[in-house]
């Protein structure tokens, strides 16, 4: 992959690392602060429920791990080359899940549009960079 395309790929992966990785706060914050943060994003009052507390930590941990994988791939894309398409498709598919259910639930634009666009742009950017590289590589052999 040429330098400019690698730079764009690394940029999309780094943005993915930040966007997915920010979910680590859901693992670390005490419930009152986590619930207040969710209310700031549009949720109604959320009384403490042990299962919701657990699910928030589970989702935050899972998303943060995806962010860590994006960071590793951005840091050394050649070493993690086989992982990169998975990260692109994971982001695109998550974006589609968010669009379908955000529309189904009639959610307001913020943060629904931002979350959906983040996933679709990061995933689409990663996959576009990989696809253009494949086209360049295959044209060399013709």
N, C-alpha and C. Protein backbone atom coordinates (compact mmCIF):
# COMPACT_ATOMS: atom_id res chain seq x y z
N UNK A 1 0.86 -1.18 0.00
CA UNK A 1 0.00 0.00 0.00
C UNK A 1 0.90 1.23 0.00
N UNK A 2 0.58 2.20 -0.89
CA UNK A 2 1.42 3.38 -0.96
C UNK A 2 1.24 4.25 0.29
N UNK A 3 2.14 5.20 0.47
CA UNK A 3 2.17 6.00 1.68
C UNK A 3 0.92 6.80 1.94
N UNK A 4 0.36 7.43 0.89
CA UNK A 4 -0.83 8.25 1.09
C UNK A 4 -2.04 7.39 1.48
N UNK A 5 -2.22 6.27 0.81
CA UNK A 5 -3.34 5.39 1.15
C UNK A 5 -3.17 4.81 2.54
N UNK A 6 -1.93 4.47 2.90
CA UNK A 6 -1.68 3.94 4.24
C UNK A 6 -1.99 5.02 5.28
N UNK A 7 -1.67 6.27 4.97
CA UNK A 7 -1.97 7.36 5.91
C UNK A 7 -3.47 7.49 6.12
N UNK A 8 -4.24 7.41 5.02
CA UNK A 8 -5.70 7.49 5.15
C UNK A 8 -6.26 6.30 5.93
N UNK A 9 -5.74 5.13 5.65
CA UNK A 9 -6.19 3.94 6.38
C UNK A 9 -5.90 4.09 7.86
N UNK A 10 -4.70 4.52 8.18
CA UNK A 10 -4.32 4.72 9.58
C UNK A 10 -5.19 5.79 10.24
N UNK A 11 -5.54 6.83 9.48
CA UNK A 11 -6.40 7.89 10.00
C UNK A 11 -7.79 7.34 10.36
N UNK A 12 -8.39 6.59 9.45
CA UNK A 12 -9.70 6.00 9.73
C UNK A 12 -9.62 5.06 10.94
N UNK A 13 -8.56 4.27 11.02
CA UNK A 13 -8.41 3.36 12.16
C UNK A 13 -8.20 4.12 13.47
N UNK A 14 -7.45 5.22 13.43
CA UNK A 14 -7.23 6.02 14.64
C UNK A 14 -8.52 6.68 15.11
N UNK A 15 -9.30 7.18 14.17
CA UNK A 15 -10.61 7.75 14.53
C UNK A 15 -11.49 6.65 15.12
N UNK A 16 -11.45 5.46 14.52
CA UNK A 16 -12.20 4.33 15.07
C UNK A 16 -11.74 3.99 16.48
N UNK A 17 -10.44 4.04 16.71
CA UNK A 17 -9.90 3.74 18.04
C UNK A 17 -10.44 4.72 19.08
N UNK A 18 -10.48 5.99 18.72
CA UNK A 18 -10.99 7.00 19.66
C UNK A 18 -12.49 6.85 19.88
N UNK A 19 -13.24 6.71 18.77
CA UNK A 19 -14.69 6.61 18.86
C UNK A 19 -15.18 5.38 19.59
N UNK A 20 -14.59 4.24 19.28
CA UNK A 20 -14.98 3.00 19.97
C UNK A 20 -14.39 2.98 21.38
N UNK A 21 -13.14 3.45 21.50
CA UNK A 21 -12.44 3.36 22.78
C UNK A 21 -12.99 4.23 23.88
N UNK A 22 -13.69 5.31 23.52
CA UNK A 22 -14.24 6.20 24.53
C UNK A 22 -15.23 5.47 25.45
N UNK A 23 -15.74 4.34 24.98
CA UNK A 23 -16.69 3.56 25.77
C UNK A 23 -16.07 3.00 27.04
N UNK A 24 -14.76 3.09 27.19
CA UNK A 24 -14.12 2.61 28.42
C UNK A 24 -14.65 3.35 29.64
N UNK A 25 -15.14 4.57 29.45
CA UNK A 25 -15.69 5.31 30.59
C UNK A 25 -16.89 4.59 31.18
N UNK A 26 -17.63 3.85 30.35
CA UNK A 26 -18.79 3.10 30.86
C UNK A 26 -18.36 1.98 31.80
N UNK A 27 -17.12 1.53 31.67
CA UNK A 27 -16.61 0.49 32.55
C UNK A 27 -16.19 1.09 33.88
N UNK A 28 -15.62 2.28 33.83
CA UNK A 28 -14.97 2.86 35.01
C UNK A 28 -15.86 3.75 35.88
N UNK A 29 -16.85 4.41 35.28
CA UNK A 29 -17.64 5.37 36.06
C UNK A 29 -18.59 4.69 37.04
N UNK A 30 -18.78 5.28 38.21
CA UNK A 30 -19.83 4.77 39.11
C UNK A 30 -21.20 5.02 38.47
N UNK A 31 -22.18 4.21 38.86
CA UNK A 31 -23.49 4.27 38.23
C UNK A 31 -24.11 5.67 38.20
N UNK A 32 -24.09 6.45 39.28
CA UNK A 32 -24.72 7.78 39.20
C UNK A 32 -24.11 8.66 38.10
N UNK A 33 -22.81 8.62 37.92
CA UNK A 33 -22.18 9.42 36.86
C UNK A 33 -22.47 8.85 35.48
N UNK A 34 -22.49 7.54 35.37
CA UNK A 34 -22.82 6.90 34.09
C UNK A 34 -24.26 7.24 33.69
N UNK A 35 -25.19 7.13 34.63
CA UNK A 35 -26.60 7.45 34.34
C UNK A 35 -26.74 8.92 33.97
N UNK A 36 -26.02 9.80 34.66
CA UNK A 36 -26.08 11.23 34.33
C UNK A 36 -25.53 11.49 32.93
N UNK A 37 -24.46 10.79 32.55
CA UNK A 37 -23.92 10.93 31.21
C UNK A 37 -24.90 10.47 30.15
N UNK A 38 -25.58 9.36 30.41
CA UNK A 38 -26.59 8.87 29.47
C UNK A 38 -27.76 9.84 29.36
N UNK A 39 -28.12 10.46 30.47
CA UNK A 39 -29.19 11.47 30.43
C UNK A 39 -28.76 12.66 29.59
N UNK A 40 -27.49 13.03 29.69
CA UNK A 40 -26.96 14.12 28.86
C UNK A 40 -27.01 13.80 27.37
N UNK A 41 -27.07 12.52 27.04
CA UNK A 41 -27.17 12.09 25.64
C UNK A 41 -28.62 11.84 25.22
N UNK A 42 -29.58 12.13 26.11
CA UNK A 42 -30.98 12.04 25.73
C UNK A 42 -31.81 11.01 26.46
N UNK A 43 -31.20 10.20 27.33
CA UNK A 43 -31.98 9.21 28.08
C UNK A 43 -32.82 9.90 29.15
N UNK A 44 -33.91 9.26 29.51
CA UNK A 44 -34.72 9.75 30.63
C UNK A 44 -34.06 9.30 31.93
N UNK A 45 -34.64 9.64 33.06
CA UNK A 45 -34.09 9.25 34.35
C UNK A 45 -33.93 7.73 34.41
N UNK A 46 -32.76 7.27 34.83
CA UNK A 46 -32.47 5.84 34.87
C UNK A 46 -32.17 5.44 36.31
N UNK A 47 -33.15 4.84 36.98
CA UNK A 47 -32.85 4.37 38.33
C UNK A 47 -31.87 3.20 38.27
N UNK A 48 -31.12 3.02 39.33
CA UNK A 48 -30.14 1.93 39.33
C UNK A 48 -30.85 0.59 39.23
N UNK A 49 -30.39 -0.21 38.31
CA UNK A 49 -30.86 -1.57 38.12
C UNK A 49 -29.60 -2.41 37.92
N UNK A 50 -29.37 -3.42 38.74
CA UNK A 50 -28.13 -4.19 38.62
C UNK A 50 -27.89 -4.76 37.22
N UNK A 51 -28.94 -5.19 36.52
CA UNK A 51 -28.74 -5.74 35.17
C UNK A 51 -28.35 -4.64 34.19
N UNK A 52 -28.97 -3.46 34.27
CA UNK A 52 -28.57 -2.35 33.39
C UNK A 52 -27.13 -1.94 33.68
N UNK A 53 -26.77 -1.91 34.96
CA UNK A 53 -25.40 -1.59 35.36
C UNK A 53 -24.44 -2.59 34.72
N UNK A 54 -24.75 -3.86 34.83
CA UNK A 54 -23.94 -4.93 34.26
C UNK A 54 -23.84 -4.81 32.74
N UNK A 55 -24.99 -4.60 32.07
CA UNK A 55 -25.00 -4.51 30.61
C UNK A 55 -24.22 -3.29 30.12
N UNK A 56 -24.29 -2.19 30.85
CA UNK A 56 -23.52 -1.00 30.48
C UNK A 56 -22.03 -1.30 30.53
N UNK A 57 -21.60 -2.04 31.59
CA UNK A 57 -20.18 -2.39 31.70
C UNK A 57 -19.78 -3.37 30.59
N UNK A 58 -20.67 -4.32 30.29
CA UNK A 58 -20.40 -5.30 29.24
C UNK A 58 -20.26 -4.60 27.88
N UNK A 59 -21.20 -3.74 27.54
CA UNK A 59 -21.15 -3.03 26.26
C UNK A 59 -19.94 -2.10 26.22
N UNK A 60 -19.70 -1.37 27.30
CA UNK A 60 -18.54 -0.47 27.33
C UNK A 60 -17.23 -1.22 27.16
N UNK A 61 -17.12 -2.36 27.83
CA UNK A 61 -15.90 -3.16 27.70
C UNK A 61 -15.72 -3.70 26.30
N UNK A 62 -16.79 -4.20 25.71
CA UNK A 62 -16.72 -4.74 24.35
C UNK A 62 -16.36 -3.66 23.34
N UNK A 63 -17.00 -2.50 23.43
CA UNK A 63 -16.70 -1.41 22.51
C UNK A 63 -15.27 -0.92 22.70
N UNK A 64 -14.82 -0.83 23.95
CA UNK A 64 -13.44 -0.38 24.22
C UNK A 64 -12.43 -1.38 23.64
N UNK A 65 -12.76 -2.66 23.67
CA UNK A 65 -11.85 -3.65 23.09
C UNK A 65 -11.77 -3.50 21.57
N UNK A 66 -12.89 -3.17 20.92
CA UNK A 66 -12.86 -2.89 19.48
C UNK A 66 -11.97 -1.66 19.25
N UNK A 67 -12.10 -0.66 20.10
CA UNK A 67 -11.24 0.52 19.99
C UNK A 67 -9.76 0.17 20.14
N UNK A 68 -9.46 -0.74 21.07
CA UNK A 68 -8.07 -1.17 21.26
C UNK A 68 -7.55 -1.90 20.02
N UNK A 69 -8.40 -2.71 19.39
CA UNK A 69 -7.99 -3.39 18.15
C UNK A 69 -7.76 -2.39 17.03
N UNK A 70 -8.61 -1.37 16.94
CA UNK A 70 -8.41 -0.32 15.94
C UNK A 70 -7.10 0.41 16.21
N UNK A 71 -6.80 0.68 17.46
CA UNK A 71 -5.55 1.36 17.81
C UNK A 71 -4.34 0.52 17.41
N UNK A 72 -4.39 -0.78 17.70
CA UNK A 72 -3.28 -1.67 17.33
C UNK A 72 -3.10 -1.69 15.81
N UNK A 73 -4.21 -1.76 15.08
CA UNK A 73 -4.13 -1.79 13.62
C UNK A 73 -3.63 -0.46 13.06
N UNK A 74 -4.01 0.66 13.68
CA UNK A 74 -3.53 1.97 13.23
C UNK A 74 -2.04 2.11 13.52
N UNK A 75 -1.60 1.60 14.63
CA UNK A 75 -0.20 1.70 15.03
C UNK A 75 0.70 0.90 14.09
N UNK A 76 0.26 -0.32 13.75
CA UNK A 76 1.09 -1.18 12.91
C UNK A 76 0.19 -1.95 11.93
N UNK A 77 -0.27 -1.28 10.87
CA UNK A 77 -1.22 -1.92 9.96
C UNK A 77 -0.68 -3.17 9.26
N UNK A 78 0.59 -3.19 8.96
CA UNK A 78 1.14 -4.37 8.27
C UNK A 78 1.09 -5.60 9.17
N UNK A 79 1.34 -5.42 10.44
CA UNK A 79 1.32 -6.54 11.38
C UNK A 79 -0.11 -7.06 11.58
N UNK A 80 -1.09 -6.16 11.55
CA UNK A 80 -2.48 -6.52 11.84
C UNK A 80 -3.35 -6.50 10.58
N UNK A 81 -2.72 -6.71 9.42
CA UNK A 81 -3.41 -6.59 8.14
C UNK A 81 -4.66 -7.46 8.04
N UNK A 82 -4.60 -8.68 8.54
CA UNK A 82 -5.74 -9.60 8.44
C UNK A 82 -6.93 -9.12 9.29
N UNK A 83 -6.67 -8.34 10.31
CA UNK A 83 -7.72 -7.84 11.20
C UNK A 83 -8.48 -6.66 10.61
N UNK A 84 -7.82 -5.89 9.77
CA UNK A 84 -8.37 -4.60 9.32
C UNK A 84 -9.70 -4.75 8.57
N UNK A 85 -9.87 -5.69 7.64
CA UNK A 85 -11.19 -5.81 6.99
C UNK A 85 -12.30 -6.13 7.99
N UNK A 86 -11.99 -6.93 8.99
CA UNK A 86 -12.98 -7.25 10.02
C UNK A 86 -13.41 -5.98 10.76
N UNK A 87 -12.46 -5.11 11.07
CA UNK A 87 -12.79 -3.87 11.77
C UNK A 87 -13.66 -2.98 10.89
N UNK A 88 -13.36 -2.93 9.59
CA UNK A 88 -14.18 -2.14 8.68
C UNK A 88 -15.61 -2.66 8.60
N UNK A 89 -15.74 -3.97 8.39
CA UNK A 89 -17.09 -4.55 8.29
C UNK A 89 -17.84 -4.47 9.61
N UNK A 90 -17.16 -4.64 10.74
CA UNK A 90 -17.81 -4.54 12.04
C UNK A 90 -18.41 -3.15 12.21
N UNK A 91 -17.66 -2.13 11.84
CA UNK A 91 -18.16 -0.76 11.96
C UNK A 91 -19.35 -0.51 11.04
N UNK A 92 -19.26 -0.97 9.80
CA UNK A 92 -20.38 -0.78 8.86
C UNK A 92 -21.63 -1.49 9.37
N UNK A 93 -21.48 -2.73 9.78
CA UNK A 93 -22.65 -3.48 10.26
C UNK A 93 -23.25 -2.87 11.52
N UNK A 94 -22.40 -2.39 12.42
CA UNK A 94 -22.93 -1.71 13.61
C UNK A 94 -23.66 -0.44 13.22
N UNK A 95 -23.13 0.28 12.24
CA UNK A 95 -23.82 1.48 11.75
C UNK A 95 -25.19 1.15 11.20
N UNK A 96 -25.30 0.06 10.46
CA UNK A 96 -26.60 -0.36 9.92
C UNK A 96 -27.57 -0.76 11.04
N UNK A 97 -27.07 -1.46 12.05
CA UNK A 97 -27.91 -1.80 13.21
C UNK A 97 -28.44 -0.52 13.86
N UNK A 98 -27.56 0.46 14.03
CA UNK A 98 -27.98 1.72 14.66
C UNK A 98 -29.01 2.46 13.82
N UNK A 99 -28.82 2.49 12.50
CA UNK A 99 -29.78 3.16 11.62
C UNK A 99 -31.14 2.48 11.71
N UNK A 100 -31.17 1.17 11.57
CA UNK A 100 -32.44 0.44 11.58
C UNK A 100 -33.18 0.66 12.89
N UNK A 101 -32.49 0.50 14.00
CA UNK A 101 -33.19 0.60 15.29
C UNK A 101 -33.41 2.04 15.73
N UNK A 102 -32.55 2.95 15.33
CA UNK A 102 -32.80 4.36 15.62
C UNK A 102 -34.05 4.86 14.93
N UNK A 103 -34.22 4.47 13.67
CA UNK A 103 -35.43 4.83 12.92
C UNK A 103 -36.64 4.13 13.52
N UNK A 104 -36.49 2.83 13.79
CA UNK A 104 -37.60 2.05 14.34
C UNK A 104 -38.10 2.64 15.66
N UNK A 105 -37.16 3.12 16.47
CA UNK A 105 -37.52 3.67 17.79
C UNK A 105 -37.87 5.15 17.75
N UNK A 106 -37.73 5.78 16.59
CA UNK A 106 -38.04 7.21 16.47
C UNK A 106 -37.13 8.08 17.31
N UNK A 107 -35.85 7.75 17.38
CA UNK A 107 -34.94 8.51 18.22
C UNK A 107 -34.67 9.89 17.64
N UNK A 108 -34.39 10.86 18.52
CA UNK A 108 -34.03 12.20 18.03
C UNK A 108 -32.65 12.14 17.37
N UNK A 109 -32.34 13.14 16.55
CA UNK A 109 -31.08 13.12 15.80
C UNK A 109 -29.81 12.98 16.65
N UNK A 110 -29.75 13.64 17.80
CA UNK A 110 -28.55 13.51 18.63
C UNK A 110 -28.83 12.57 19.77
N UNK A 111 -28.00 11.57 19.99
CA UNK A 111 -26.74 11.22 19.33
C UNK A 111 -26.88 10.18 18.23
N UNK A 112 -28.11 9.81 17.91
CA UNK A 112 -28.37 8.74 16.95
C UNK A 112 -27.65 8.96 15.61
N UNK A 113 -27.80 10.14 15.00
CA UNK A 113 -27.15 10.39 13.71
C UNK A 113 -25.63 10.32 13.84
N UNK A 114 -25.09 10.90 14.91
CA UNK A 114 -23.63 10.92 15.10
C UNK A 114 -23.09 9.50 15.24
N UNK A 115 -23.72 8.68 16.04
CA UNK A 115 -23.26 7.30 16.24
C UNK A 115 -23.31 6.52 14.94
N UNK A 116 -24.43 6.64 14.23
CA UNK A 116 -24.60 5.91 12.97
C UNK A 116 -23.57 6.37 11.94
N UNK A 117 -23.44 7.68 11.78
CA UNK A 117 -22.48 8.21 10.81
C UNK A 117 -21.05 7.85 11.16
N UNK A 118 -20.71 7.90 12.44
CA UNK A 118 -19.37 7.51 12.87
C UNK A 118 -19.05 6.10 12.38
N UNK A 119 -19.94 5.16 12.68
CA UNK A 119 -19.70 3.77 12.29
C UNK A 119 -19.61 3.61 10.79
N UNK A 120 -20.53 4.22 10.06
CA UNK A 120 -20.56 4.07 8.61
C UNK A 120 -19.35 4.74 7.94
N UNK A 121 -18.95 5.90 8.43
CA UNK A 121 -17.81 6.61 7.83
C UNK A 121 -16.50 5.89 8.14
N UNK A 122 -16.31 5.50 9.40
CA UNK A 122 -15.07 4.79 9.76
C UNK A 122 -14.99 3.46 9.01
N UNK A 123 -16.04 2.67 9.09
CA UNK A 123 -16.03 1.37 8.41
C UNK A 123 -15.92 1.52 6.91
N UNK A 124 -16.70 2.43 6.33
CA UNK A 124 -16.64 2.66 4.90
C UNK A 124 -15.28 3.17 4.46
N UNK A 125 -14.69 4.04 5.26
CA UNK A 125 -13.35 4.56 4.94
C UNK A 125 -12.31 3.47 4.95
N UNK A 126 -12.34 2.62 5.95
CA UNK A 126 -11.39 1.50 6.03
C UNK A 126 -11.57 0.59 4.82
N UNK A 127 -12.80 0.20 4.54
CA UNK A 127 -13.05 -0.72 3.43
C UNK A 127 -12.71 -0.10 2.07
N UNK A 128 -12.97 1.19 1.91
CA UNK A 128 -12.63 1.88 0.66
C UNK A 128 -11.12 1.90 0.45
N UNK A 129 -10.37 2.18 1.50
CA UNK A 129 -8.91 2.19 1.37
C UNK A 129 -8.39 0.80 1.03
N UNK A 130 -8.95 -0.22 1.65
CA UNK A 130 -8.51 -1.59 1.34
C UNK A 130 -8.87 -1.96 -0.10
N UNK A 131 -10.05 -1.58 -0.53
CA UNK A 131 -10.50 -1.92 -1.89
C UNK A 131 -9.64 -1.24 -2.94
N UNK A 132 -9.33 0.03 -2.73
CA UNK A 132 -8.50 0.74 -3.70
C UNK A 132 -7.10 0.15 -3.74
N UNK A 133 -6.61 -0.33 -2.62
CA UNK A 133 -5.30 -0.99 -2.61
C UNK A 133 -5.35 -2.30 -3.39
N UNK A 134 -6.41 -3.07 -3.22
CA UNK A 134 -6.54 -4.33 -3.94
C UNK A 134 -6.58 -4.10 -5.45
N UNK A 135 -7.30 -3.05 -5.86
CA UNK A 135 -7.38 -2.72 -7.28
C UNK A 135 -6.01 -2.34 -7.83
N UNK A 136 -5.26 -1.54 -7.08
CA UNK A 136 -3.91 -1.15 -7.52
C UNK A 136 -3.00 -2.36 -7.60
N UNK A 137 -3.09 -3.25 -6.61
CA UNK A 137 -2.22 -4.45 -6.60
C UNK A 137 -2.55 -5.37 -7.76
N UNK A 138 -3.85 -5.58 -8.03
CA UNK A 138 -4.23 -6.50 -9.11
C UNK A 138 -3.89 -5.91 -10.48
N UNK A 139 -3.93 -4.58 -10.64
CA UNK A 139 -3.63 -3.98 -11.94
C UNK A 139 -2.14 -4.08 -12.25
N UNK A 140 -1.30 -4.22 -11.27
CA UNK A 140 0.14 -4.37 -11.49
C UNK A 140 0.46 -5.67 -12.19
N UNK A 141 -0.38 -6.68 -12.01
CA UNK A 141 -0.09 -8.01 -12.54
C UNK A 141 -0.69 -8.22 -13.93
N UNK A 142 -1.35 -7.25 -14.47
CA UNK A 142 -1.97 -7.40 -15.80
C UNK A 142 -1.01 -7.04 -16.89
